[in-house]
Amino acid sequence: MLDLAIDGGALTAALVDIESVSGEEKELADVVEAALRAYPTLGVEREGNVVLARTDSGRPQRIVLAGHLDTVPIKDNVPARLDGDLLYGCGSADMKSGVAVMLRIAHLVATASLAPRVDLTWVFYDCEEVESSRNGLGRIARERPSAVRGDFAVLLEPTGGVIEGGCQGTVRAVVRTSGVRAHSARSWLGVNAIHAAAPVLTRLATYEPRVVDVAGLTYREGLNAVAINGGVAGNVIPDECLVTVNYRFAPDRSEADAHVHLREVFDGYVVDVVDSAPAASPGLDLPLPREIAAAVGGEPRAKLGWTDVARFSQLGIPAVNFGPGDPNLAHKPEEHVDVRLIADAEAALVRFLT
């Protein structure tokens, strides 16, 4: 049983020690559910490996706190290890420290240590680190959108303790080249599809990504090869080569615009989109985003990456990214979080909620 009364750093360590690679979140979801059900004032539900909790005090507004339970694959970085103020471990930054802050807020509300001015919904979900179709928040939003409705959402993604507005969109696509198989001893009888991919790589190497200002925040785009597959056998000229590319685009482009741009860049080739998710605009000019920015302090910046802020945006719910982890440490073997930032993030949310 998780003890939600302990400080956020110790709670983060306890969460890190429960392995929860994408698709294997059941044990952690079980523990989170049990900890929340210990508070009778919270309404708790379970949908697969998504855990939902809420208050219903009749407040005029509802705020959603959301965070994913899964991590990327472990790299000799579980269990957690504390070195001074730095807590090392898989998911410590992305985003079990954010989940710990969510659980701490639940404890404070359920024990009447915090009397928020709004009603709250907590969403702990699975499969954020993998393809969009498996995302637990996305599934709940499709099947039970009322469960995640609110006037505003805070996604506890790692931001280093500052507000990050909006998010980039992402498209993963496969660029195909074709050839003709032949025996490698008589290569002139074939056409090498791997060689034919060289111009694709040249286009990527010479591509100049945009730097775009959207509502006062600066977004850097990127287009990169992330995988290349080809080859039949050691003595066969390959007849197909697949170059997988990932395009991260700014919020001034729609998904459809991004797909068109990819096909323009790789004109003359077959381009198959295999995964796609929209960007989200910052929306920091709205009242609740302005209030949390004031409570947190510092200068808001653009979220350089895709997050589920985009899902909330599609539901018509303004949302920001805010969490204690450093996004630059996410997915690294040496991933860690400064425990002082965990306490600071909790204190900032308490200021905002009261």
Protein backbone atom coordinates (compact mmCIF):
# COMPACT_ATOMS: atom_id res chain seq x y z
CA MET A 1 0.00 0.00 0.00
CA LEU A 2 1.34 3.40 -0.96
CA ASP A 3 1.44 5.90 1.90
CA LEU A 4 0.35 9.18 0.33
CA ALA A 5 1.17 11.08 3.54
CA ILE A 6 4.93 10.82 2.93
CA ASP A 7 6.75 13.59 1.11
CA GLY A 8 6.75 13.77 -2.67
CA GLY A 9 10.34 12.63 -3.08
CA ALA A 10 9.84 9.47 -1.05
CA LEU A 11 6.56 8.81 -2.84
CA THR A 12 8.29 9.20 -6.22
CA ALA A 13 10.91 6.64 -5.15
CA ALA A 14 8.16 4.20 -4.18
CA LEU A 15 6.53 4.65 -7.60
CA VAL A 16 9.83 4.18 -9.46
CA ASP A 17 10.37 0.90 -7.61
CA ILE A 18 7.19 -0.49 -9.17
CA GLU A 19 8.15 -1.27 -12.77
CA SER A 20 5.55 -0.06 -15.27
CA VAL A 21 6.91 -0.21 -18.80
CA SER A 22 4.20 0.59 -21.37
CA GLY A 23 1.71 -2.29 -21.50
CA GLU A 24 2.78 -3.56 -18.08
CA GLU A 25 1.17 -0.96 -15.82
CA LYS A 26 -1.25 -3.27 -13.99
CA GLU A 27 0.72 -3.57 -10.76
CA LEU A 28 1.21 0.18 -10.45
CA ALA A 29 -2.43 0.86 -11.40
CA ASP A 30 -3.49 -1.63 -8.69
CA VAL A 31 -1.39 0.17 -6.07
CA VAL A 32 -2.60 3.64 -7.08
CA GLU A 33 -6.22 2.49 -7.07
CA ALA A 34 -5.87 0.92 -3.61
CA ALA A 35 -4.23 4.06 -2.20
CA LEU A 36 -7.02 6.30 -3.50
CA ARG A 37 -9.82 3.97 -2.38
CA ALA A 38 -8.53 4.36 1.18
CA TYR A 39 -10.13 7.84 1.13
CA PRO A 40 -13.94 7.56 1.28
CA THR A 41 -14.43 11.17 0.17
CA LEU A 42 -12.98 10.39 -3.27
CA GLY A 43 -15.00 8.69 -5.97
CA VAL A 44 -12.66 6.13 -7.54
CA GLU A 45 -13.15 4.12 -10.76
CA ARG A 46 -11.00 1.71 -12.73
CA GLU A 47 -11.10 1.24 -16.52
CA GLY A 48 -8.47 -1.29 -17.56
CA ASN A 49 -5.21 0.23 -16.35
CA VAL A 50 -6.70 3.72 -16.10
CA VAL A 51 -7.52 4.91 -12.57
CA LEU A 52 -9.97 7.80 -12.18
CA ALA A 53 -10.78 9.73 -9.01
CA ARG A 54 -12.91 12.79 -8.40
CA THR A 55 -14.48 15.09 -5.86
CA ASP A 56 -18.09 16.25 -6.18
CA SER A 57 -18.54 19.22 -3.86
CA GLY A 58 -20.73 21.26 -6.16
CA ARG A 59 -18.00 23.79 -6.96
CA PRO A 60 -18.67 25.94 -10.04
CA GLN A 61 -15.54 24.76 -11.87
CA ARG A 62 -13.69 21.45 -12.32
CA ILE A 63 -9.97 21.03 -12.93
CA VAL A 64 -8.46 17.81 -14.26
CA LEU A 65 -5.03 16.61 -13.11
CA ALA A 66 -3.66 13.99 -15.49
CA GLY A 67 -0.53 11.87 -15.64
CA HIS A 68 0.64 8.64 -17.25
CA LEU A 69 1.78 5.62 -15.27
CA ASP A 70 4.00 4.02 -17.90
CA THR A 71 7.69 4.41 -18.62
CA VAL A 72 10.04 3.55 -21.45
CA PRO A 73 11.95 0.24 -21.07
CA ILE A 74 14.20 0.02 -18.02
CA LYS A 75 17.97 0.39 -18.47
CA ASP A 76 19.49 -0.84 -15.18
CA ASN A 77 17.78 2.12 -13.45
CA VAL A 78 15.30 0.46 -11.10
CA PRO A 79 15.09 0.54 -8.07
CA ALA A 80 15.35 4.25 -7.31
CA ARG A 81 18.57 5.69 -5.90
CA LEU A 82 18.89 8.94 -3.93
CA ASP A 83 22.11 10.96 -4.25
CA GLY A 84 21.80 14.16 -2.24
CA ASP A 85 18.76 15.97 -3.64
CA LEU A 86 18.75 13.95 -6.87
CA LEU A 87 16.52 10.90 -7.16
CA TYR A 88 17.62 8.53 -9.94
CA GLY A 89 15.43 5.92 -11.60
CA CYS A 90 13.38 5.04 -14.67
CA GLY A 91 10.40 7.39 -14.85
CA SER A 92 11.65 9.65 -12.06
CA ALA A 93 11.42 12.67 -14.37
CA ASP A 94 8.92 11.31 -16.92
CA MET A 95 6.67 11.24 -15.06
CA LYS A 96 6.43 9.44 -11.74
CA SER A 97 7.42 12.61 -9.90
CA GLY A 98 4.39 14.27 -11.54
CA VAL A 99 2.21 11.31 -10.55
CA ALA A 100 3.52 11.67 -6.99
CA VAL A 101 2.42 15.33 -6.96
CA MET A 102 -1.04 14.27 -8.17
CA LEU A 103 -1.29 11.69 -5.38
CA ARG A 104 -0.09 14.19 -2.79
CA ILE A 105 -2.82 16.65 -3.87
CA ALA A 106 -5.38 13.84 -3.58
CA HIS A 107 -4.17 13.10 -0.04
CA LEU A 108 -4.33 16.77 0.97
CA VAL A 109 -7.85 17.19 -0.42
CA ALA A 110 -9.15 13.90 1.00
CA THR A 111 -7.80 14.68 4.49
CA ALA A 112 -9.17 18.26 4.37
CA SER A 113 -5.64 19.68 4.55
CA LEU A 114 -6.43 21.45 1.30
CA ALA A 115 -9.80 23.05 0.54
CA PRO A 116 -9.70 23.75 -3.20
CA ARG A 117 -11.92 26.38 -4.83
CA VAL A 118 -12.83 23.87 -7.55
CA ASP A 119 -13.82 20.25 -7.88
CA LEU A 120 -11.04 17.97 -9.05
CA THR A 121 -10.68 14.96 -11.32
CA TRP A 122 -7.54 12.82 -11.31
CA VAL A 123 -6.68 10.67 -14.34
CA PHE A 124 -3.84 8.13 -14.06
CA TYR A 125 -3.49 6.40 -17.42
CA ASP A 126 -1.47 3.84 -19.33
CA CYS A 127 0.43 3.55 -22.64
CA GLU A 128 1.44 7.17 -23.21
CA GLU A 129 4.98 6.27 -24.30
CA VAL A 130 3.86 4.13 -27.25
CA GLU A 131 1.72 4.57 -30.35
CA SER A 132 -1.24 6.90 -30.05
CA SER A 133 -3.84 4.17 -30.64
CA ARG A 134 -2.96 2.50 -27.30
CA ASN A 135 -3.08 5.64 -25.16
CA GLY A 136 -5.30 5.13 -22.10
CA LEU A 137 -6.40 8.76 -21.88
CA GLY A 138 -7.31 8.65 -25.55
CA ARG A 139 -9.40 5.53 -24.99
CA ILE A 140 -11.30 7.10 -22.08
CA ALA A 141 -11.79 10.32 -24.05
CA ARG A 142 -13.35 8.33 -26.91
CA GLU A 143 -15.46 5.95 -24.84
CA ARG A 144 -16.38 8.10 -21.81
CA PRO A 145 -15.56 11.74 -22.53
CA SER A 146 -17.63 12.88 -19.54
CA ALA A 147 -15.13 11.15 -17.22
CA VAL A 148 -12.40 13.60 -18.18
CA ARG A 149 -14.48 16.73 -18.71
CA GLY A 150 -13.43 19.88 -16.94
CA ASP A 151 -12.95 23.61 -17.30
CA PHE A 152 -9.16 23.26 -17.37
CA ALA A 153 -6.55 20.49 -17.25
CA VAL A 154 -3.03 20.30 -15.89
CA LEU A 155 -0.89 17.56 -17.41
CA LEU A 156 1.90 16.70 -14.97
CA GLU A 157 4.45 16.12 -17.74
CA PRO A 158 8.07 17.02 -16.94
CA THR A 159 8.66 20.74 -17.48
CA GLY A 160 11.34 21.52 -14.92
CA GLY A 161 8.78 23.26 -12.74
CA VAL A 162 7.70 25.90 -15.26
CA ILE A 163 4.57 26.18 -17.40
CA GLU A 164 4.94 24.79 -20.90
CA GLY A 165 2.18 25.80 -23.28
CA GLY A 166 0.62 23.70 -26.02
CA CYS A 167 2.63 20.96 -27.70
CA GLN A 168 4.07 19.93 -31.02
CA GLY A 169 2.19 17.57 -33.27
CA THR A 170 3.85 14.37 -34.41
CA VAL A 171 3.68 12.25 -37.55
CA ARG A 172 5.51 8.99 -38.10
CA ALA A 173 5.65 7.88 -41.72
CA VAL A 174 7.41 5.28 -43.86
CA VAL A 175 9.10 6.37 -47.06
CA ARG A 176 9.44 3.40 -49.44
CA THR A 177 11.90 2.78 -52.24
CA SER A 178 11.59 -0.12 -54.65
CA GLY A 179 14.06 -2.11 -56.70
CA VAL A 180 14.50 -5.44 -58.45
CA ARG A 181 15.88 -8.54 -56.76
CA ALA A 182 18.91 -10.24 -58.21
CA HIS A 183 21.87 -12.35 -57.15
CA SER A 184 24.55 -10.07 -55.74
CA ALA A 185 27.12 -11.76 -58.00
CA ARG A 186 25.10 -10.46 -60.96
CA SER A 187 23.96 -7.18 -59.46
CA TRP A 188 23.58 -5.51 -62.87
CA LEU A 189 20.49 -7.63 -63.34
CA GLY A 190 18.79 -5.99 -60.37
CA VAL A 191 18.06 -2.55 -58.89
CA ASN A 192 19.21 -1.93 -55.32
CA ALA A 193 16.39 -0.42 -53.24
CA ILE A 194 18.76 0.48 -50.39
CA HIS A 195 20.92 2.50 -52.78
CA ALA A 196 17.74 4.14 -54.03
CA ALA A 197 17.11 5.41 -50.49
CA ALA A 198 20.21 7.63 -50.59
CA PRO A 199 18.30 10.64 -51.98
CA VAL A 200 15.75 10.24 -49.18
CA LEU A 201 18.52 10.52 -46.60
CA THR A 202 19.99 13.49 -48.47
CA ARG A 203 16.66 15.30 -48.31
CA LEU A 204 16.56 14.66 -44.56
CA ALA A 205 20.16 15.79 -44.03
CA THR A 206 19.58 19.05 -45.90
CA TYR A 207 16.10 19.75 -44.53
CA GLU A 208 15.84 23.07 -42.69
CA PRO A 209 13.18 22.87 -39.93
CA ARG A 210 11.04 25.88 -39.14
CA VAL A 211 11.29 27.91 -35.96
CA VAL A 212 7.80 29.29 -35.38
CA ASP A 213 6.31 31.82 -32.95
CA VAL A 214 2.80 30.84 -31.85
CA ALA A 215 1.02 33.10 -29.33
CA GLY A 216 4.34 34.37 -28.01
CA LEU A 217 6.00 30.94 -27.57
CA THR A 218 8.75 29.60 -29.82
CA TYR A 219 8.36 26.11 -31.30
CA ARG A 220 11.23 24.33 -33.10
CA GLU A 221 10.15 21.79 -35.68
CA GLY A 222 12.12 18.69 -36.64
CA LEU A 223 12.14 16.03 -39.36
CA ASN A 224 14.39 13.02 -38.82
CA ALA A 225 14.91 9.43 -39.86
CA VAL A 226 14.32 7.18 -36.86
CA ALA A 227 14.71 3.75 -38.50
CA ILE A 228 15.76 2.15 -41.77
CA ASN A 229 14.91 -1.38 -42.87
CA GLY A 230 15.95 -3.27 -45.97
CA GLY A 231 17.70 -6.38 -47.14
CA VAL A 232 16.79 -9.95 -48.00
CA ALA A 233 19.94 -12.03 -47.58
CA GLY A 234 23.68 -11.64 -47.77
CA ASN A 235 23.74 -12.55 -51.46
CA VAL A 236 20.57 -10.81 -52.69
CA ILE A 237 20.11 -7.33 -54.14
CA PRO A 238 17.20 -5.92 -52.06
CA ASP A 239 13.98 -4.93 -53.79
CA GLU A 240 12.57 -2.77 -50.96
CA CYS A 241 13.87 -0.30 -48.41
CA LEU A 242 11.81 1.46 -45.75
CA VAL A 243 12.93 4.71 -44.13
CA THR A 244 10.83 5.64 -41.09
CA VAL A 245 10.72 9.37 -40.42
CA ASN A 246 9.30 11.40 -37.56
CA TYR A 247 8.04 14.93 -38.13
CA ARG A 248 7.43 17.20 -35.14
CA PHE A 249 5.38 20.20 -36.21
CA ALA A 250 4.32 23.49 -34.63
CA PRO A 251 0.74 24.29 -33.52
CA ASP A 252 0.16 26.57 -36.50
CA ARG A 253 -0.13 23.41 -38.65
CA SER A 254 -2.96 20.89 -38.59
CA GLU A 255 -2.37 17.15 -38.91
CA ALA A 256 -3.60 17.34 -42.49
CA ASP A 257 -1.15 20.18 -43.22
CA ALA A 258 1.66 18.12 -41.72
CA HIS A 259 0.81 15.10 -43.90
CA VAL A 260 0.79 17.30 -47.00
CA HIS A 261 4.17 18.78 -46.05
CA LEU A 262 5.73 15.34 -45.64
CA ARG A 263 4.53 14.27 -49.06
CA GLU A 264 5.92 17.49 -50.54
CA VAL A 265 9.33 16.87 -48.94
CA PHE A 266 9.40 13.30 -50.28
CA ASP A 267 7.78 14.01 -53.62
CA GLY A 268 8.32 11.11 -55.99
CA TYR A 269 8.31 8.47 -53.25
CA VAL A 270 5.58 6.39 -51.66
CA VAL A 271 4.86 7.84 -48.20
CA ASP A 272 2.65 5.91 -45.74
CA VAL A 273 1.59 7.63 -42.51
CA VAL A 274 1.63 5.04 -39.70
CA ASP A 275 1.02 7.19 -36.61
CA SER A 276 -0.17 10.75 -36.16
CA ALA A 277 -1.32 13.12 -33.41
CA PRO A 278 -2.25 16.81 -33.56
CA ALA A 279 -0.45 19.78 -32.06
CA ALA A 280 -2.09 22.07 -29.48
CA SER A 281 -1.93 25.84 -29.26
CA PRO A 282 -0.74 27.42 -25.98
CA GLY A 283 -3.99 29.09 -24.90
CA LEU A 284 -2.19 30.95 -22.10
CA ASP A 285 -4.37 34.03 -22.60
CA LEU A 286 -7.36 32.30 -20.95
CA PRO A 287 -8.19 32.97 -17.27
CA LEU A 288 -7.28 29.63 -15.62
CA PRO A 289 -4.02 29.20 -17.59
CA ARG A 290 -3.09 32.77 -16.57
CA GLU A 291 -3.83 31.95 -12.94
CA ILE A 292 -1.67 28.83 -12.83
CA ALA A 293 1.13 30.72 -14.60
CA ALA A 294 0.97 33.36 -11.86
CA ALA A 295 0.96 30.69 -9.12
CA VAL A 296 3.95 28.90 -10.63
CA GLY A 297 5.95 31.99 -11.58
CA GLY A 298 8.70 32.18 -14.15
CA GLU A 299 8.36 32.61 -17.89
CA PRO A 300 6.15 30.06 -19.73
CA ARG A 301 7.75 28.33 -22.70
CA ALA A 302 6.70 26.10 -25.56
CA LYS A 303 6.39 22.34 -25.07
CA LEU A 304 8.89 20.83 -27.50
CA GLY A 305 7.31 17.43 -27.82
CA TRP A 306 3.87 15.88 -28.11
CA THR A 307 1.76 15.52 -24.97
CA ASP A 308 -1.84 14.73 -24.12
CA VAL A 309 -2.51 18.45 -23.85
CA ALA A 310 -3.50 17.90 -27.49
CA ARG A 311 -6.22 15.41 -26.46
CA PHE A 312 -7.69 17.89 -24.01
CA SER A 313 -7.56 20.56 -26.71
CA GLN A 314 -9.57 18.28 -29.02
CA LEU A 315 -12.18 17.96 -26.26
CA GLY A 316 -12.36 21.76 -25.99
CA ILE A 317 -10.59 21.80 -22.61
CA PRO A 318 -7.75 24.33 -22.13
CA ALA A 319 -4.66 22.62 -20.73
CA VAL A 320 -1.02 23.23 -19.83
CA ASN A 321 1.99 21.06 -19.09
CA PHE A 322 3.45 21.45 -15.60
CA GLY A 323 5.56 18.99 -13.64
CA PRO A 324 8.75 18.74 -11.59
CA GLY A 325 10.88 16.56 -13.90
CA ASP A 326 13.44 17.88 -16.38
CA PRO A 327 12.22 16.97 -19.90
CA ASN A 328 15.82 16.83 -21.14
CA LEU A 329 16.45 13.84 -18.83
CA ALA A 330 13.40 11.86 -19.97
CA HIS A 331 14.17 8.37 -21.32
CA LYS A 332 17.87 8.56 -20.44
CA PRO A 333 19.57 5.77 -18.43
CA GLU A 334 20.71 8.46 -15.96
CA GLU A 335 17.17 9.90 -15.65
CA HIS A 336 16.67 11.70 -12.33
CA VAL A 337 14.65 14.42 -10.64
CA ASP A 338 15.56 17.03 -8.05
CA VAL A 339 13.34 16.25 -5.05
CA ARG A 340 13.18 19.96 -4.20
CA LEU A 341 11.34 20.56 -7.49
CA ILE A 342 8.77 17.94 -6.47
CA ALA A 343 7.99 19.88 -3.29
CA ASP A 344 7.93 23.15 -5.25
CA ALA A 345 5.48 21.75 -7.82
CA GLU A 346 3.16 20.53 -5.06
CA ALA A 347 3.28 23.95 -3.36
CA ALA A 348 2.56 25.75 -6.65
CA LEU A 349 -0.48 23.55 -7.34
CA VAL A 350 -1.76 24.16 -3.81
CA ARG A 351 -1.46 27.94 -4.39
CA PHE A 352 -3.31 27.66 -7.67
CA LEU A 353 -6.08 25.44 -6.33
CA THR A 354 -6.76 27.68 -3.34
